[in-house]
Amino acid sequence: MSLKAIELQIAIPKTFEAGKLSESLQQQSLLQQEAAKSEMERQLLKHRSTVTTSLASEKTDRDGSKEKGEERRKNNNKETEEQNLHPFKGNHVDFMG
């Protein structure tokens, strides 16, 4: 199959356009990957540098004792258990059937 001169005038510029388009799409995907990588690294550094916050009950007193926070936690657990008890429903589940 031979191409005529008029067909070549149309075909050759189209191949250059297609090549440029393909190259720009490849470059765009590379740029997106690089941007995602740099964003992930930035977030990782941010997470590494920030200090995790502690609960108020876990903070120590000036003399370094944690007893007050532990006592509060125990009291809170007891209170929630008392609130969860139902007046006439049982607490035992019979799985034997």
N, C-alpha and C. Protein backbone atom coordinates (compact mmCIF):
# COMPACT_ATOMS: atom_id res chain seq x y z
N MET A 1 0.85 -1.18 0.00
CA MET A 1 0.00 0.00 0.00
C MET A 1 0.89 1.24 0.00
N SER A 2 0.72 2.02 -0.99
CA SER A 2 1.54 3.22 -1.12
C SER A 2 0.69 4.45 -0.78
N LEU A 3 1.36 5.43 -0.23
CA LEU A 3 0.67 6.66 0.13
C LEU A 3 0.97 7.72 -0.92
N LYS A 4 -0.02 8.49 -1.22
CA LYS A 4 0.17 9.56 -2.18
C LYS A 4 0.69 10.80 -1.45
N ALA A 5 1.17 11.75 -2.17
CA ALA A 5 1.76 12.96 -1.60
C ALA A 5 0.74 13.74 -0.77
N ILE A 6 -0.49 13.78 -1.22
CA ILE A 6 -1.53 14.51 -0.50
C ILE A 6 -1.84 13.82 0.83
N GLU A 7 -1.85 12.49 0.84
CA GLU A 7 -2.11 11.74 2.08
C GLU A 7 -0.98 11.94 3.08
N LEU A 8 0.24 12.03 2.60
CA LEU A 8 1.39 12.24 3.47
C LEU A 8 1.34 13.62 4.13
N GLN A 9 0.81 14.60 3.41
CA GLN A 9 0.69 15.94 3.97
C GLN A 9 -0.22 15.95 5.20
N ILE A 10 -1.17 15.05 5.27
CA ILE A 10 -2.09 14.98 6.40
C ILE A 10 -1.58 14.00 7.45
N ALA A 11 -1.01 12.87 7.04
CA ALA A 11 -0.63 11.80 7.96
C ALA A 11 0.57 12.17 8.83
N ILE A 12 1.58 12.78 8.26
CA ILE A 12 2.81 13.06 9.02
C ILE A 12 2.56 14.07 10.14
N PRO A 13 1.89 15.19 9.94
CA PRO A 13 1.63 16.10 11.07
C PRO A 13 0.77 15.45 12.16
N LYS A 14 -0.15 14.59 11.76
CA LYS A 14 -0.99 13.92 12.76
C LYS A 14 -0.16 13.00 13.64
N THR A 15 0.84 12.34 13.09
CA THR A 15 1.69 11.47 13.91
C THR A 15 2.49 12.29 14.91
N PHE A 16 2.96 13.46 14.52
CA PHE A 16 3.67 14.32 15.46
C PHE A 16 2.76 14.78 16.59
N GLU A 17 1.52 15.13 16.23
CA GLU A 17 0.55 15.56 17.25
C GLU A 17 0.25 14.42 18.23
N ALA A 18 0.09 13.22 17.68
CA ALA A 18 -0.20 12.07 18.54
C ALA A 18 0.99 11.77 19.45
N GLY A 19 2.20 11.90 18.93
CA GLY A 19 3.40 11.67 19.74
C GLY A 19 3.52 12.69 20.85
N LYS A 20 3.26 13.95 20.54
CA LYS A 20 3.31 15.01 21.56
C LYS A 20 2.25 14.78 22.64
N LEU A 21 1.06 14.38 22.21
CA LEU A 21 -0.02 14.12 23.16
C LEU A 21 0.34 12.96 24.08
N SER A 22 0.86 11.90 23.51
CA SER A 22 1.26 10.74 24.30
C SER A 22 2.37 11.10 25.29
N GLU A 23 3.35 11.87 24.86
CA GLU A 23 4.44 12.28 25.74
C GLU A 23 3.92 13.18 26.87
N SER A 24 3.01 14.08 26.55
CA SER A 24 2.48 14.97 27.60
C SER A 24 1.66 14.18 28.62
N LEU A 25 0.94 13.15 28.19
CA LEU A 25 0.18 12.31 29.12
C LEU A 25 1.12 11.54 30.05
N GLN A 26 2.24 11.04 29.50
CA GLN A 26 3.21 10.34 30.32
C GLN A 26 3.85 11.28 31.33
N GLN A 27 4.19 12.48 30.89
CA GLN A 27 4.79 13.46 31.80
C GLN A 27 3.80 13.87 32.89
N GLN A 28 2.54 14.00 32.53
CA GLN A 28 1.53 14.39 33.50
C GLN A 28 1.37 13.32 34.58
N SER A 29 1.38 12.06 34.19
CA SER A 29 1.25 10.98 35.18
C SER A 29 2.48 10.94 36.08
N LEU A 30 3.67 11.17 35.53
CA LEU A 30 4.88 11.22 36.35
C LEU A 30 4.82 12.37 37.35
N LEU A 31 4.34 13.52 36.90
CA LEU A 31 4.22 14.66 37.80
C LEU A 31 3.22 14.40 38.91
N GLN A 32 2.12 13.74 38.59
CA GLN A 32 1.12 13.41 39.61
C GLN A 32 1.69 12.44 40.64
N GLN A 33 2.46 11.46 40.18
CA GLN A 33 3.08 10.52 41.11
C GLN A 33 4.10 11.22 42.01
N GLU A 34 4.87 12.11 41.45
CA GLU A 34 5.84 12.86 42.25
C GLU A 34 5.14 13.74 43.28
N ALA A 35 4.05 14.38 42.88
CA ALA A 35 3.30 15.23 43.81
C ALA A 35 2.71 14.40 44.95
N ALA A 36 2.17 13.23 44.62
CA ALA A 36 1.61 12.36 45.65
C ALA A 36 2.70 11.88 46.60
N LYS A 37 3.85 11.56 46.06
CA LYS A 37 4.97 11.10 46.88
C LYS A 37 5.43 12.20 47.82
N SER A 38 5.58 13.40 47.32
CA SER A 38 6.05 14.51 48.16
C SER A 38 5.01 14.85 49.24
N GLU A 39 3.73 14.76 48.89
CA GLU A 39 2.67 15.01 49.87
C GLU A 39 2.69 13.95 50.98
N MET A 40 2.90 12.70 50.60
CA MET A 40 2.96 11.62 51.58
C MET A 40 4.16 11.80 52.51
N GLU A 41 5.29 12.18 51.94
CA GLU A 41 6.49 12.41 52.76
C GLU A 41 6.27 13.57 53.72
N ARG A 42 5.61 14.63 53.25
CA ARG A 42 5.33 15.78 54.10
C ARG A 42 4.43 15.39 55.26
N GLN A 43 3.40 14.59 54.98
CA GLN A 43 2.50 14.16 56.04
C GLN A 43 3.22 13.23 57.02
N LEU A 44 4.09 12.38 56.52
CA LEU A 44 4.84 11.48 57.38
C LEU A 44 5.75 12.27 58.33
N LEU A 45 6.43 13.28 57.81
CA LEU A 45 7.27 14.11 58.66
C LEU A 45 6.44 14.87 59.69
N LYS A 46 5.27 15.32 59.28
CA LYS A 46 4.39 16.03 60.21
C LYS A 46 3.95 15.10 61.34
N HIS A 47 3.57 13.87 61.00
CA HIS A 47 3.13 12.93 62.03
C HIS A 47 4.28 12.54 62.95
N ARG A 48 5.48 12.46 62.41
CA ARG A 48 6.63 12.12 63.24
C ARG A 48 6.98 13.24 64.21
N SER A 49 6.79 14.48 63.79
CA SER A 49 7.21 15.61 64.61
C SER A 49 6.16 16.02 65.65
N THR A 50 4.91 15.66 65.44
CA THR A 50 3.90 16.07 66.41
C THR A 50 3.89 15.12 67.60
N VAL A 51 3.56 15.67 68.74
CA VAL A 51 3.49 14.89 69.96
C VAL A 51 2.05 14.42 70.13
N THR A 52 1.90 13.17 70.48
CA THR A 52 0.56 12.67 70.70
C THR A 52 0.04 13.21 72.02
N THR A 53 -1.21 13.58 72.05
CA THR A 53 -1.79 14.15 73.26
C THR A 53 -2.19 13.04 74.20
N SER A 54 -2.09 13.33 75.47
CA SER A 54 -2.47 12.34 76.46
C SER A 54 -3.76 12.79 77.14
N LEU A 55 -4.46 11.84 77.71
CA LEU A 55 -5.69 12.15 78.41
C LEU A 55 -5.38 12.90 79.69
N ALA A 56 -6.34 13.67 80.17
CA ALA A 56 -6.14 14.42 81.40
C ALA A 56 -5.94 13.49 82.58
N SER A 57 -6.54 12.31 82.55
CA SER A 57 -6.40 11.38 83.67
C SER A 57 -5.02 10.74 83.71
N GLU A 58 -4.30 10.78 82.60
CA GLU A 58 -2.98 10.17 82.55
C GLU A 58 -1.86 11.14 82.90
N LYS A 59 -2.19 12.40 83.03
CA LYS A 59 -1.16 13.37 83.36
C LYS A 59 -0.68 13.15 84.78
N THR A 60 0.58 13.33 84.99
CA THR A 60 1.15 13.10 86.31
C THR A 60 1.13 14.38 87.12
N ASP A 61 1.16 14.21 88.43
CA ASP A 61 1.26 15.36 89.33
C ASP A 61 2.69 15.87 89.32
N ARG A 62 2.94 16.92 90.07
CA ARG A 62 4.29 17.48 90.12
C ARG A 62 5.28 16.50 90.73
N ASP A 63 4.83 15.67 91.67
CA ASP A 63 5.75 14.72 92.28
C ASP A 63 5.82 13.42 91.48
N GLY A 64 5.15 13.31 90.34
CA GLY A 64 5.32 12.19 89.45
C GLY A 64 4.42 11.01 89.72
N SER A 65 3.40 11.14 90.52
CA SER A 65 2.54 9.99 90.78
C SER A 65 1.34 10.01 89.86
N LYS A 66 0.91 8.82 89.43
CA LYS A 66 -0.23 8.69 88.55
C LYS A 66 -1.44 8.13 89.31
N GLU A 67 -1.37 8.06 90.59
CA GLU A 67 -2.41 7.40 91.37
C GLU A 67 -3.77 8.05 91.19
N LYS A 68 -3.81 9.37 91.15
CA LYS A 68 -5.09 10.05 91.05
C LYS A 68 -5.80 9.70 89.73
N GLY A 69 -5.04 9.68 88.64
CA GLY A 69 -5.63 9.35 87.36
C GLY A 69 -6.12 7.92 87.31
N GLU A 70 -5.37 7.01 87.90
CA GLU A 70 -5.78 5.60 87.92
C GLU A 70 -7.02 5.42 88.77
N GLU A 71 -7.08 6.13 89.91
CA GLU A 71 -8.27 6.03 90.77
C GLU A 71 -9.50 6.57 90.03
N ARG A 72 -9.32 7.64 89.32
CA ARG A 72 -10.46 8.20 88.56
C ARG A 72 -10.96 7.20 87.53
N ARG A 73 -10.01 6.55 86.83
CA ARG A 73 -10.40 5.57 85.83
C ARG A 73 -11.16 4.40 86.45
N LYS A 74 -10.69 3.94 87.59
CA LYS A 74 -11.37 2.84 88.26
C LYS A 74 -12.78 3.25 88.69
N ASN A 75 -12.90 4.45 89.24
CA ASN A 75 -14.21 4.94 89.65
C ASN A 75 -15.14 5.09 88.46
N ASN A 76 -14.62 5.58 87.35
CA ASN A 76 -15.45 5.73 86.15
C ASN A 76 -15.91 4.38 85.63
N ASN A 77 -15.03 3.37 85.68
CA ASN A 77 -15.41 2.03 85.24
C ASN A 77 -16.51 1.45 86.12
N LYS A 78 -16.39 1.65 87.44
CA LYS A 78 -17.41 1.15 88.36
C LYS A 78 -18.75 1.81 88.10
N GLU A 79 -18.72 3.12 87.88
CA GLU A 79 -19.97 3.86 87.63
C GLU A 79 -20.64 3.39 86.35
N THR A 80 -19.86 3.16 85.30
CA THR A 80 -20.47 2.73 84.04
C THR A 80 -21.02 1.32 84.17
N GLU A 81 -20.35 0.45 84.94
CA GLU A 81 -20.87 -0.90 85.15
C GLU A 81 -22.19 -0.86 85.92
N GLU A 82 -22.27 0.02 86.90
CA GLU A 82 -23.50 0.14 87.68
C GLU A 82 -24.64 0.67 86.82
N GLN A 83 -24.33 1.57 85.91
CA GLN A 83 -25.36 2.12 85.04
C GLN A 83 -25.83 1.09 84.03
N ASN A 84 -24.98 0.18 83.63
CA ASN A 84 -25.32 -0.81 82.61
C ASN A 84 -26.14 -1.97 83.16
N LEU A 85 -26.21 -2.14 84.48
CA LEU A 85 -26.97 -3.24 85.05
C LEU A 85 -28.47 -3.00 84.87
N HIS A 86 -29.15 -4.02 84.41
CA HIS A 86 -30.59 -3.92 84.22
C HIS A 86 -31.28 -4.50 85.45
N PRO A 87 -32.40 -3.91 85.91
CA PRO A 87 -33.01 -4.34 87.17
C PRO A 87 -33.56 -5.77 87.16
N PHE A 88 -34.11 -6.26 86.05
CA PHE A 88 -34.70 -7.59 86.09
C PHE A 88 -34.17 -8.54 85.01
N LYS A 89 -33.34 -8.09 84.11
CA LYS A 89 -32.77 -9.00 83.11
C LYS A 89 -31.52 -9.63 83.68
N GLY A 90 -31.26 -10.88 83.30
CA GLY A 90 -30.09 -11.59 83.81
C GLY A 90 -28.83 -11.24 83.06
N ASN A 91 -27.71 -11.68 83.61
CA ASN A 91 -26.42 -11.42 83.00
C ASN A 91 -25.81 -12.67 82.39
N HIS A 92 -26.46 -13.82 82.55
CA HIS A 92 -25.92 -15.09 82.08
C HIS A 92 -26.62 -15.51 80.80
N VAL A 93 -25.83 -15.93 79.79
CA VAL A 93 -26.39 -16.40 78.54
C VAL A 93 -26.11 -17.90 78.46
N ASP A 94 -27.15 -18.71 78.25
CA ASP A 94 -27.01 -20.15 78.19
C ASP A 94 -26.81 -20.56 76.73
N PHE A 95 -25.59 -21.00 76.40
CA PHE A 95 -25.27 -21.40 75.05
C PHE A 95 -25.51 -22.89 74.81
N MET A 96 -25.78 -23.65 75.87
CA MET A 96 -25.93 -25.09 75.73
C MET A 96 -27.19 -25.47 74.97
N GLY A 97 -28.23 -24.69 75.07
CA GLY A 97 -29.45 -24.90 74.31
C GLY A 97 -30.23 -26.01 74.85
